[in-house]
Protein backbone atom coordinates (compact mmCIF):
# COMPACT_ATOMS: atom_id res chain seq x y z
CA MET A 1 -13.58 22.70 8.83
CA LYS A 2 -12.88 23.40 5.17
CA LYS A 3 -10.91 20.80 3.61
CA ILE A 4 -7.37 21.70 2.65
CA ILE A 5 -5.85 19.51 -0.14
CA ILE A 6 -2.12 19.07 -0.81
CA SER A 7 -2.98 18.58 -4.45
CA SER A 8 0.30 18.78 -6.26
CA ILE A 9 3.48 18.69 -4.26
CA LEU A 10 6.30 20.01 -6.38
CA SER A 11 9.92 18.72 -6.98
CA LEU A 12 11.46 15.49 -5.53
CA THR A 13 13.95 14.04 -7.65
CA ILE A 14 13.30 10.13 -7.72
CA ALA A 15 15.15 7.40 -9.45
CA PHE A 16 13.11 4.54 -10.45
CA ASN A 17 12.16 1.59 -13.05
CA PRO A 18 9.74 2.63 -15.68
CA LEU A 19 8.03 -0.72 -14.83
CA HIS A 20 7.20 0.73 -11.31
CA THR A 21 5.36 3.72 -12.78
CA ASN A 22 3.46 2.32 -15.56
CA ILE A 23 0.21 3.10 -14.31
CA GLY A 24 -1.51 2.50 -17.88
CA ASN A 25 -0.19 -1.06 -17.86
CA ALA A 26 -2.13 -1.51 -14.88
CA TYR A 27 -5.44 -0.96 -16.03
CA THR A 28 -4.82 -2.37 -19.55
CA GLN A 29 -7.20 -5.21 -20.22
CA ILE A 30 -5.79 -8.68 -21.34
CA ASN A 31 -7.68 -10.42 -23.96
CA SER A 32 -9.57 -13.20 -21.95
CA SER A 33 -9.13 -15.89 -24.57
CA LEU A 34 -5.48 -16.09 -23.44
CA LEU A 35 -3.86 -18.71 -21.42
CA LEU A 36 -0.84 -17.49 -19.47
CA LYS A 37 1.39 -20.06 -17.39
CA THR A 38 4.57 -21.02 -16.09
CA GLY A 39 7.59 -20.46 -18.58
CA MET A 40 5.85 -17.87 -20.81
CA LYS A 41 7.43 -14.44 -21.60
CA ASN A 42 5.50 -11.65 -23.42
CA GLN A 43 3.87 -8.30 -22.84
CA ASN A 44 0.62 -9.77 -22.01
CA ILE A 45 2.40 -11.06 -18.33
CA ILE A 46 3.69 -7.72 -17.92
CA ILE A 47 0.16 -6.39 -17.72
CA LEU A 48 -1.00 -9.39 -15.81
CA GLN A 49 1.49 -8.53 -13.13
CA ASN A 50 0.62 -5.01 -12.87
CA ASN A 51 -2.82 -6.16 -12.52
CA LEU A 52 -1.99 -8.42 -9.89
CA LYS A 53 0.17 -5.83 -8.10
CA GLU A 54 -2.60 -3.09 -8.26
CA LEU A 55 -4.75 -5.35 -6.30
CA GLY A 56 -1.87 -6.07 -3.84
CA TYR A 57 -1.07 -9.66 -5.05
CA PHE A 58 2.27 -9.31 -7.12
CA ASN A 59 5.22 -7.82 -4.79
CA ALA A 60 8.16 -7.56 -7.37
CA ILE A 61 8.91 -5.56 -10.49
CA PRO A 62 6.82 -6.52 -13.50
CA THR A 63 9.64 -8.39 -15.85
CA GLY A 64 7.25 -10.29 -18.35
CA TYR A 65 8.09 -13.55 -17.33
CA TYR A 66 5.59 -16.02 -15.82
CA GLY A 67 7.82 -17.90 -13.17
CA SER A 68 7.27 -18.89 -9.32
CA ILE A 69 6.26 -15.51 -7.90
CA THR A 70 3.79 -14.89 -10.66
CA LYS A 71 2.37 -18.37 -10.46
CA LYS A 72 1.92 -17.79 -6.52
CA SER A 73 0.47 -14.49 -6.99
CA VAL A 74 -2.31 -16.05 -9.55
CA LEU A 75 -2.69 -18.97 -6.83
CA ASN A 76 -3.66 -16.49 -4.00
CA PHE A 77 -5.61 -14.33 -6.37
CA GLN A 78 -7.77 -17.35 -7.47
CA LYS A 79 -8.00 -18.92 -3.66
CA ASN A 80 -9.52 -15.57 -2.71
CA ASN A 81 -11.87 -15.18 -5.55
CA ASN A 82 -13.23 -18.46 -5.23
CA LEU A 83 -11.59 -19.55 -8.54
CA LEU A 84 -10.03 -22.85 -9.67
CA ALA A 85 -6.67 -22.28 -8.10
CA ASP A 86 -3.95 -23.99 -10.61
CA GLY A 87 -1.83 -21.02 -10.74
CA ILE A 88 -2.73 -20.50 -14.83
CA ALA A 89 -4.20 -17.14 -15.85
CA GLY A 90 -6.96 -18.30 -18.11
CA LYS A 91 -10.49 -16.87 -19.00
CA ASN A 92 -12.15 -16.86 -15.38
CA THR A 93 -8.92 -15.64 -13.88
CA ILE A 94 -8.55 -12.63 -16.27
CA GLN A 95 -12.20 -11.66 -16.36
CA LYS A 96 -12.14 -11.41 -12.74
CA LEU A 97 -9.19 -9.50 -12.77
CA HIS A 98 -10.62 -7.08 -15.31
CA SER A 99 -13.96 -6.56 -12.94
CA LEU A 100 -11.74 -5.91 -9.70
CA ASN A 101 -9.61 -3.39 -11.75
CA SER A 102 -12.22 -1.49 -13.69
CA LYS A 103 -14.04 -0.68 -10.10
CA THR A 104 -14.46 3.32 -10.31
CA ILE A 105 -12.07 4.80 -7.99
CA PRO A 106 -13.87 7.08 -5.29
CA SER A 107 -13.47 10.69 -5.48
CA VAL A 108 -11.92 12.93 -2.91
CA THR A 109 -13.32 15.91 -1.54
CA ARG A 110 -11.16 19.04 -2.50
CA GLY A 111 -11.17 22.29 -1.16
CA SER A 112 -8.28 25.20 -1.15
CA SER A 113 -4.99 24.30 -1.83
CA THR A 114 -1.66 25.37 0.09
CA SER A 115 1.89 25.92 -0.42
CA GLN A 116 3.23 22.56 -1.70
CA SER A 117 6.81 22.90 -1.77
CA ASP A 118 7.61 22.77 1.60
CA TRP A 119 5.09 20.11 2.33
CA THR A 120 7.67 17.34 3.22
CA TRP A 121 7.98 14.63 5.71
CA PHE A 122 10.63 16.29 7.53
CA SER A 123 9.58 19.90 7.15
CA LYS A 124 5.82 19.83 7.87
CA ILE A 125 4.37 16.60 7.88
CA GLN A 126 5.64 14.87 10.78
CA TYR A 127 4.43 17.89 12.88
CA ALA A 128 1.07 17.89 10.97
CA LEU A 129 0.39 14.19 11.98
CA PRO A 130 1.58 14.05 15.55
CA ARG A 131 2.14 10.66 17.73
CA GLU A 132 -1.29 9.45 18.92
CA SER A 133 -3.16 11.18 15.95
CA THR A 134 -6.01 9.12 14.60
CA PHE A 135 -6.83 9.40 10.83
CA GLU A 136 -8.37 7.88 7.97
CA VAL A 137 -6.42 6.03 5.27
CA LEU A 138 -8.07 5.53 1.72
CA ASP A 139 -6.50 3.10 -1.05
CA ILE A 140 -7.02 4.41 -4.17
CA TYR A 141 -7.29 1.60 -6.11
CA SER A 142 -9.68 -0.35 -4.14
CA GLY A 143 -11.80 2.52 -3.08
CA LYS A 144 -11.49 0.90 0.61
CA SER A 145 -10.76 3.01 3.81
CA PHE A 146 -9.96 2.44 7.36
CA LYS A 147 -8.67 4.42 10.50
CA ALA A 148 -5.33 3.97 11.86
CA LYS A 149 -3.16 5.75 14.71
CA ARG A 150 0.27 6.78 14.55
CA THR A 151 2.04 5.28 17.59
CA TYR A 152 5.63 5.28 16.55
CA GLY A 153 8.24 6.17 13.70
CA THR A 154 10.51 9.04 13.21
CA ASN A 155 11.54 8.70 9.36
CA HIS A 156 8.07 7.73 8.58
CA ILE A 157 4.78 6.98 10.20
CA ASP A 158 4.39 3.39 12.23
CA ALA A 159 0.80 3.19 12.44
CA GLU A 160 -1.64 0.69 13.76
CA THR A 161 -5.26 -0.13 12.87
CA ILE A 162 -7.71 0.88 15.26
CA ASN A 163 -9.62 -2.33 15.80
CA GLU A 164 -10.51 -5.62 14.50
CA TYR A 165 -12.85 -4.07 11.69
CA ASP A 166 -9.97 -1.63 10.49
CA THR A 167 -7.62 -4.73 10.36
CA SER A 168 -9.88 -6.92 8.33
CA VAL A 169 -10.34 -3.90 5.86
CA PHE A 170 -6.58 -3.15 5.67
CA LYS A 171 -6.00 -6.86 5.09
CA ASN A 172 -8.62 -7.53 2.44
CA ILE A 173 -6.66 -4.09 0.38
CA PHE A 174 -3.85 -6.69 0.16
CA GLY A 175 -5.74 -9.52 -0.97
CA GLY A 176 -6.51 -11.05 2.47
CA ASN A 177 -2.84 -11.39 3.14
CA TRP A 178 0.11 -9.66 5.00
CA SER A 179 2.47 -8.42 2.43
CA TRP A 180 5.26 -6.19 2.17
CA ASN A 181 3.85 -4.85 -0.95
CA LYS A 182 3.22 -1.08 -1.29
CA ARG A 183 0.22 0.79 -2.33
CA PRO A 184 -0.58 4.22 -2.95
CA VAL A 185 -2.85 5.60 -0.27
CA ILE A 186 -4.35 9.40 0.94
CA VAL A 187 -4.27 10.09 4.63
CA THR A 188 -6.72 12.48 5.80
CA TYR A 189 -6.22 14.16 9.37
CA ASN A 190 -7.49 17.29 10.79
CA GLY A 191 -8.78 18.52 7.48
CA ILE A 192 -5.64 17.85 5.61
CA SER A 193 -5.37 15.38 2.92
CA LEU A 194 -1.97 13.93 1.93
CA PRO A 195 -0.68 11.80 -0.70
CA ALA A 196 1.16 8.81 0.91
CA SER A 197 2.31 4.85 0.23
CA MET A 198 1.81 2.21 2.75
CA ALA A 199 3.26 -1.17 3.08
CA GLY A 200 0.85 -4.10 4.39
CA MET A 201 2.96 -6.22 6.65
CA PRO A 202 2.57 -5.74 10.50
CA HIS A 203 6.03 -5.99 12.11
CA ALA A 204 8.25 -5.47 15.24
CA GLY A 205 5.23 -6.31 17.59
CA ASN A 206 3.43 -8.46 19.82
CA ASP A 207 -0.27 -7.88 20.70
CA SER A 208 -0.29 -10.07 23.73
CA ALA A 209 2.92 -8.28 25.37
CA PRO A 210 2.95 -4.61 26.78
CA ALA A 211 3.81 -2.01 24.56
CA THR A 212 7.65 -0.93 24.64
CA ALA A 213 8.36 -3.85 27.00
CA TYR A 214 10.75 -6.47 26.02
CA THR A 215 9.49 -9.39 24.20
CA THR A 216 10.97 -12.54 22.73
CA TRP A 217 8.75 -12.54 19.67
CA ARG A 218 7.89 -9.72 17.32
CA SER A 219 5.97 -9.92 14.15
CA GLY A 220 7.25 -9.71 10.58
CA ASN A 221 10.40 -12.18 11.82
CA TYR A 222 11.93 -9.22 13.98
CA GLY A 223 12.49 -11.66 16.73
CA SER A 224 13.12 -10.45 20.12
CA GLY A 225 13.21 -6.72 21.11
CA THR A 226 11.15 -3.52 22.16
CA ASN A 227 7.41 -4.07 21.41
CA LEU A 228 6.14 -1.98 18.94
CA ASP A 229 2.24 -2.58 19.56
CA ALA A 230 0.42 0.02 21.53
CA VAL A 231 -3.11 -0.74 20.27
CA LYS A 232 -4.35 -3.97 21.66
CA ASN A 233 -7.18 -6.40 20.25
CA ASN A 234 -6.95 -4.98 16.95
CA GLY A 235 -6.02 -8.31 15.21
CA MET A 236 -2.66 -7.01 14.15
CA ASN A 237 0.52 -7.68 15.71
CA GLY A 238 2.67 -4.45 15.47
CA VAL A 239 2.80 -1.47 12.95
CA PHE A 240 2.75 -1.11 9.30
CA ASP A 241 4.56 1.92 7.41
CA ILE A 242 3.14 4.81 6.13
CA HIS A 243 5.59 7.00 3.90
CA PHE A 244 5.17 10.61 2.58
CA LEU A 245 6.96 12.93 0.29
CA GLY A 246 10.61 12.78 1.49
CA SER A 247 10.48 10.16 4.34
CA LYS A 248 13.18 7.51 4.70
CA THR A 249 13.07 4.11 6.05
CA HIS A 250 14.20 3.32 9.43
CA SER A 251 16.70 0.57 8.84
CA SER A 252 18.66 2.37 6.11
CA ASN A 253 18.03 5.86 6.59
CA ARG A 254 17.27 6.24 3.16
CA ILE A 255 14.45 7.27 0.67
CA ASP A 256 12.60 4.31 -0.67
CA ASN A 257 12.06 4.80 -4.43
CA VAL A 258 8.93 2.59 -4.67
CA HIS A 259 7.02 4.63 -1.78
CA GLN A 260 7.93 7.79 -3.06
CA ASN A 261 6.72 7.02 -6.64
CA ASN A 262 3.30 5.78 -5.06
CA ILE A 263 3.43 9.27 -3.49
CA ARG A 264 3.40 10.76 -6.83
CA ILE A 265 0.30 8.42 -7.93
CA SER A 266 -1.44 9.61 -5.17
CA ARG A 267 -0.77 13.24 -5.30
CA ASP A 268 -1.75 13.05 -9.02
CA TYR A 269 -4.89 11.43 -8.20
CA ILE A 270 -5.78 14.22 -5.46
CA GLY A 271 -4.98 16.69 -8.35
CA LYS A 272 -7.65 15.31 -10.91
């Protein structure tokens, strides 16, 4: 079947902080002779924070200040890459960031385009990706991909990985940890590739309890309630979020600007 690529979805007005979108900063290399640590504030730390953000370690707005959040992000990065875990971004840490962020981003198979302006979540996408559909998710920064299934969700997709292998890939994309960080991705299903954004935190589920049953514990600090975990024995409790153009959160029923900006990044990547 011929691939259809939604290559450049047109207008959606999005209000966002410029630091959310400065993708150039994410790939700017820091001089490895620098020593960045707690208490410092400068442009190099913005670059450091963006680099960590692209790899799933920094879940905040880059400010240029090396505070506790940045130190913890650096520590997690160091631990996951067998570096001295001191929370200081020195030569070895910076060089490792360079090597991971400079990996070639994979290409996406391209085919004929289609009408884009009406391809939003509520107009078409929610129907093009029905519940129980299994699709591929490509993280454009790491080049890693895995399979997932839409099991729940109305304002956006609540997805679950298919098995433990897919879960291991998913978790590795976020630096080996569950994270509310949001990353630009491409979702491909039934010959259609769509720009999207996913978060790395499984929530609202209990893998050991029956799906949709009442359970006293649910992941993501959701407490007791209906169990949103349909795919069993996949190494994940609950669902993770995937947003598309114009989709909304379930809690606030509002558009999430960070997700929407990630979708623009994915759209631009598909259109290259």
